[in-house]
Amino acid sequence: MKKTITMLLLLSVFMVSALGTIAVADAEPMIFKVGMMAKDLKADDKDGNIVDILKEAKGSKSAIVFMNTACSACLGEVKFLVDLLREDPKGKKLFIISVDYREYSIIESYRVRNGFDLGIWLQDADFAIPPKFGFMFTPAMVILGTDGMVVYSKAGYNRRVIEKFESEVKTHWD
């Protein structure tokens, strides 16, 4: 009888903990999609200072591109965005967030070597921000409205559909 009660108690403790584990495992992180307000976006600048991207972006239409220095598709996307900003900078900001885990000097060297003289260059070595938008690879980008709402989101960069991409970006970042 004592054995049966002990077994039942152990079984119920196991079931309660298993249910708690299932509930935690099912909880997915918030993913900011088009039409949602972005929150808590912070990255490091070249001096290691934490930059609050939403605070810096406030009042501007802001493109945020996630890239890394070893990605050739990232180079094409960043070049397009920097050139577009150069053509018409009024009311726009461009945040270029490198997800390289190496030291910032590598990112700075990449920026200079490619002639990227515009944009706010930041680093997210922990790859903490892209998953907030559902991204798991680079390049990827979002455009935020002046109020911080996500108005455009895109993962990947493909030369075969470049005209469509350029048109969409121009429409949403204007």
Protein backbone atom coordinates (compact mmCIF):
# COMPACT_ATOMS: atom_id res chain seq x y z
CA MET A 1 0.00 0.00 0.00
CA LYS A 2 2.82 2.40 0.96
CA LYS A 3 4.63 1.46 -2.23
CA THR A 4 1.54 2.19 -4.32
CA ILE A 5 1.00 5.62 -2.71
CA THR A 6 4.69 6.49 -3.17
CA MET A 7 4.55 5.43 -6.81
CA LEU A 8 1.39 7.47 -7.40
CA LEU A 9 2.97 10.54 -5.80
CA LEU A 10 6.12 10.17 -7.90
CA LEU A 11 4.05 9.67 -11.04
CA SER A 12 1.96 12.79 -10.36
CA VAL A 13 5.09 14.89 -9.67
CA PHE A 14 6.58 13.63 -12.95
CA MET A 15 3.38 14.46 -14.88
CA VAL A 16 3.17 17.98 -13.45
CA SER A 17 6.80 18.70 -14.31
CA ALA A 18 6.37 17.24 -17.79
CA LEU A 19 3.37 19.48 -18.43
CA GLY A 20 5.38 22.50 -17.31
CA THR A 21 8.20 21.53 -19.66
CA ILE A 22 5.77 21.13 -22.57
CA ALA A 23 4.25 24.55 -21.87
CA VAL A 24 7.69 26.17 -21.86
CA ALA A 25 8.78 24.35 -25.01
CA ASP A 26 5.61 25.46 -26.84
CA ALA A 27 6.13 29.11 -25.96
CA GLU A 28 7.54 30.72 -29.10
CA PRO A 29 9.38 34.02 -29.10
CA MET A 30 7.55 37.03 -30.47
CA ILE A 31 8.21 37.52 -34.17
CA PHE A 32 7.58 41.02 -35.51
CA LYS A 33 5.70 40.73 -38.79
CA VAL A 34 4.38 43.33 -41.22
CA GLY A 35 1.79 45.43 -39.40
CA MET A 36 3.33 44.91 -35.97
CA MET A 37 5.32 47.36 -33.87
CA ALA A 38 8.97 46.39 -33.46
CA LYS A 39 10.34 46.39 -29.91
CA ASP A 40 13.66 46.09 -28.13
CA LEU A 41 16.16 46.35 -30.97
CA LYS A 42 19.63 47.03 -29.66
CA ALA A 43 23.04 46.46 -31.23
CA ASP A 44 26.64 47.52 -30.61
CA ASP A 45 28.37 50.39 -32.40
CA LYS A 46 32.05 50.32 -33.36
CA ASP A 47 33.07 51.47 -29.85
CA GLY A 48 31.03 48.76 -28.12
CA ASN A 49 28.26 51.16 -27.05
CA ILE A 50 24.73 49.80 -27.12
CA VAL A 51 22.54 51.63 -29.65
CA ASP A 52 18.76 51.62 -29.25
CA ILE A 53 17.78 51.29 -32.90
CA LEU A 54 14.13 52.25 -32.41
CA LYS A 55 15.11 55.41 -30.55
CA GLU A 56 17.55 56.33 -33.35
CA ALA A 57 14.97 55.48 -36.03
CA LYS A 58 12.10 57.45 -34.50
CA GLY A 59 10.47 59.81 -36.97
CA SER A 60 12.26 58.34 -40.00
CA LYS A 61 11.42 55.57 -42.42
CA SER A 62 14.18 53.14 -41.55
CA ALA A 63 15.58 50.18 -43.42
CA ILE A 64 17.37 47.60 -41.31
CA VAL A 65 19.50 45.11 -43.19
CA PHE A 66 21.13 42.09 -41.56
CA MET A 67 24.35 41.00 -43.24
CA ASN A 68 27.73 39.46 -42.69
CA THR A 69 31.05 40.20 -44.31
CA ALA A 70 31.45 36.70 -45.80
CA CYS A 71 28.13 36.86 -47.68
CA SER A 72 28.28 37.89 -51.36
CA ALA A 73 24.49 38.31 -51.56
CA CYS A 74 24.72 40.67 -48.57
CA LEU A 75 27.19 42.81 -50.50
CA GLY A 76 24.69 43.25 -53.35
CA GLU A 77 21.83 44.14 -51.04
CA VAL A 78 23.85 46.59 -48.94
CA LYS A 79 25.20 48.26 -52.09
CA PHE A 80 21.67 48.71 -53.45
CA LEU A 81 20.43 50.21 -50.17
CA VAL A 82 23.41 52.56 -49.73
CA ASP A 83 23.00 53.76 -53.34
CA LEU A 84 19.27 54.27 -52.82
CA LEU A 85 19.93 56.28 -49.66
CA ARG A 86 22.50 58.36 -51.53
CA GLU A 87 19.91 59.19 -54.24
CA ASP A 88 17.25 60.31 -51.77
CA PRO A 89 18.25 60.55 -48.09
CA LYS A 90 15.40 62.81 -46.95
CA GLY A 91 13.45 61.29 -44.04
CA LYS A 92 15.27 57.94 -44.26
CA LYS A 93 17.73 56.03 -42.14
CA LEU A 94 19.66 52.89 -42.99
CA PHE A 95 20.85 50.57 -40.24
CA ILE A 96 23.35 47.98 -41.46
CA ILE A 97 23.68 45.31 -38.81
CA SER A 98 26.50 42.85 -39.23
CA VAL A 99 25.95 39.53 -37.54
CA ASP A 100 29.66 38.69 -37.73
CA TYR A 101 30.96 37.32 -34.44
CA ARG A 102 34.47 38.56 -35.19
CA GLU A 103 35.85 41.88 -33.95
CA TYR A 104 34.35 45.09 -35.30
CA SER A 105 37.56 46.00 -37.17
CA ILE A 106 36.66 43.32 -39.76
CA ILE A 107 33.30 45.02 -40.32
CA GLU A 108 34.90 48.46 -40.55
CA SER A 109 37.44 47.18 -43.07
CA TYR A 110 34.60 45.70 -45.16
CA ARG A 111 32.67 48.98 -45.02
CA VAL A 112 35.67 51.05 -46.14
CA ARG A 113 36.87 48.57 -48.78
CA ASN A 114 33.44 48.60 -50.45
CA GLY A 115 33.02 52.38 -50.28
CA PHE A 116 29.97 52.27 -48.01
CA ASP A 117 30.09 55.78 -46.60
CA LEU A 118 26.43 56.00 -45.58
CA GLY A 119 24.28 54.17 -43.09
CA ILE A 120 24.56 53.46 -39.40
CA TRP A 121 26.82 50.44 -39.04
CA LEU A 122 26.21 48.20 -36.02
CA GLN A 123 27.08 44.70 -34.86
CA ASP A 124 24.92 41.90 -33.47
CA ALA A 125 27.53 39.21 -32.85
CA ASP A 126 25.02 37.05 -30.94
CA PHE A 127 22.53 37.00 -33.85
CA ALA A 128 19.87 38.16 -31.38
CA ILE A 129 17.91 40.60 -33.57
CA PRO A 130 17.23 38.74 -36.86
CA PRO A 131 15.15 35.97 -35.20
CA LYS A 132 12.86 38.69 -33.79
CA PHE A 133 11.73 39.13 -37.41
CA GLY A 134 11.77 35.40 -38.19
CA PHE A 135 15.13 35.49 -40.01
CA MET A 136 17.64 32.69 -39.62
CA PHE A 137 20.14 33.70 -42.34
CA THR A 138 21.53 36.72 -44.18
CA PRO A 139 20.85 38.87 -46.00
CA ALA A 140 17.50 39.88 -44.61
CA MET A 141 15.85 43.23 -44.17
CA VAL A 142 12.89 45.08 -42.74
CA ILE A 143 11.59 48.56 -43.26
CA LEU A 144 10.01 50.38 -40.33
CA GLY A 145 7.56 53.22 -40.68
CA THR A 146 8.14 56.49 -38.85
CA ASP A 147 6.24 55.05 -35.86
CA GLY A 148 8.34 51.86 -35.64
CA MET A 149 5.77 49.62 -37.32
CA VAL A 150 7.12 46.93 -39.66
CA VAL A 151 5.93 47.86 -43.17
CA TYR A 152 8.12 45.47 -45.20
CA SER A 153 10.05 42.30 -44.49
CA LYS A 154 12.19 40.17 -46.78
CA ALA A 155 14.69 37.35 -46.38
CA GLY A 156 17.32 36.55 -48.98
CA TYR A 157 18.64 38.35 -52.04
CA ASN A 158 18.29 36.88 -55.50
CA ARG A 159 19.53 38.53 -58.69
CA ARG A 160 16.83 36.80 -60.74
CA VAL A 161 14.10 38.82 -59.02
CA ILE A 162 16.11 41.99 -58.40
CA GLU A 163 13.66 44.28 -60.20
CA LYS A 164 10.79 43.11 -57.97
CA PHE A 165 12.90 43.56 -54.83
CA GLU A 166 14.07 47.04 -55.87
CA SER A 167 10.52 48.10 -56.68
CA GLU A 168 9.19 46.83 -53.33
CA VAL A 169 11.93 48.57 -51.37
CA LYS A 170 11.43 51.85 -53.23
CA THR A 171 7.69 51.66 -52.60
CA HIS A 172 8.01 51.01 -48.85
CA TRP A 173 11.07 53.17 -48.11
CA ASP A 174 9.79 56.28 -49.83
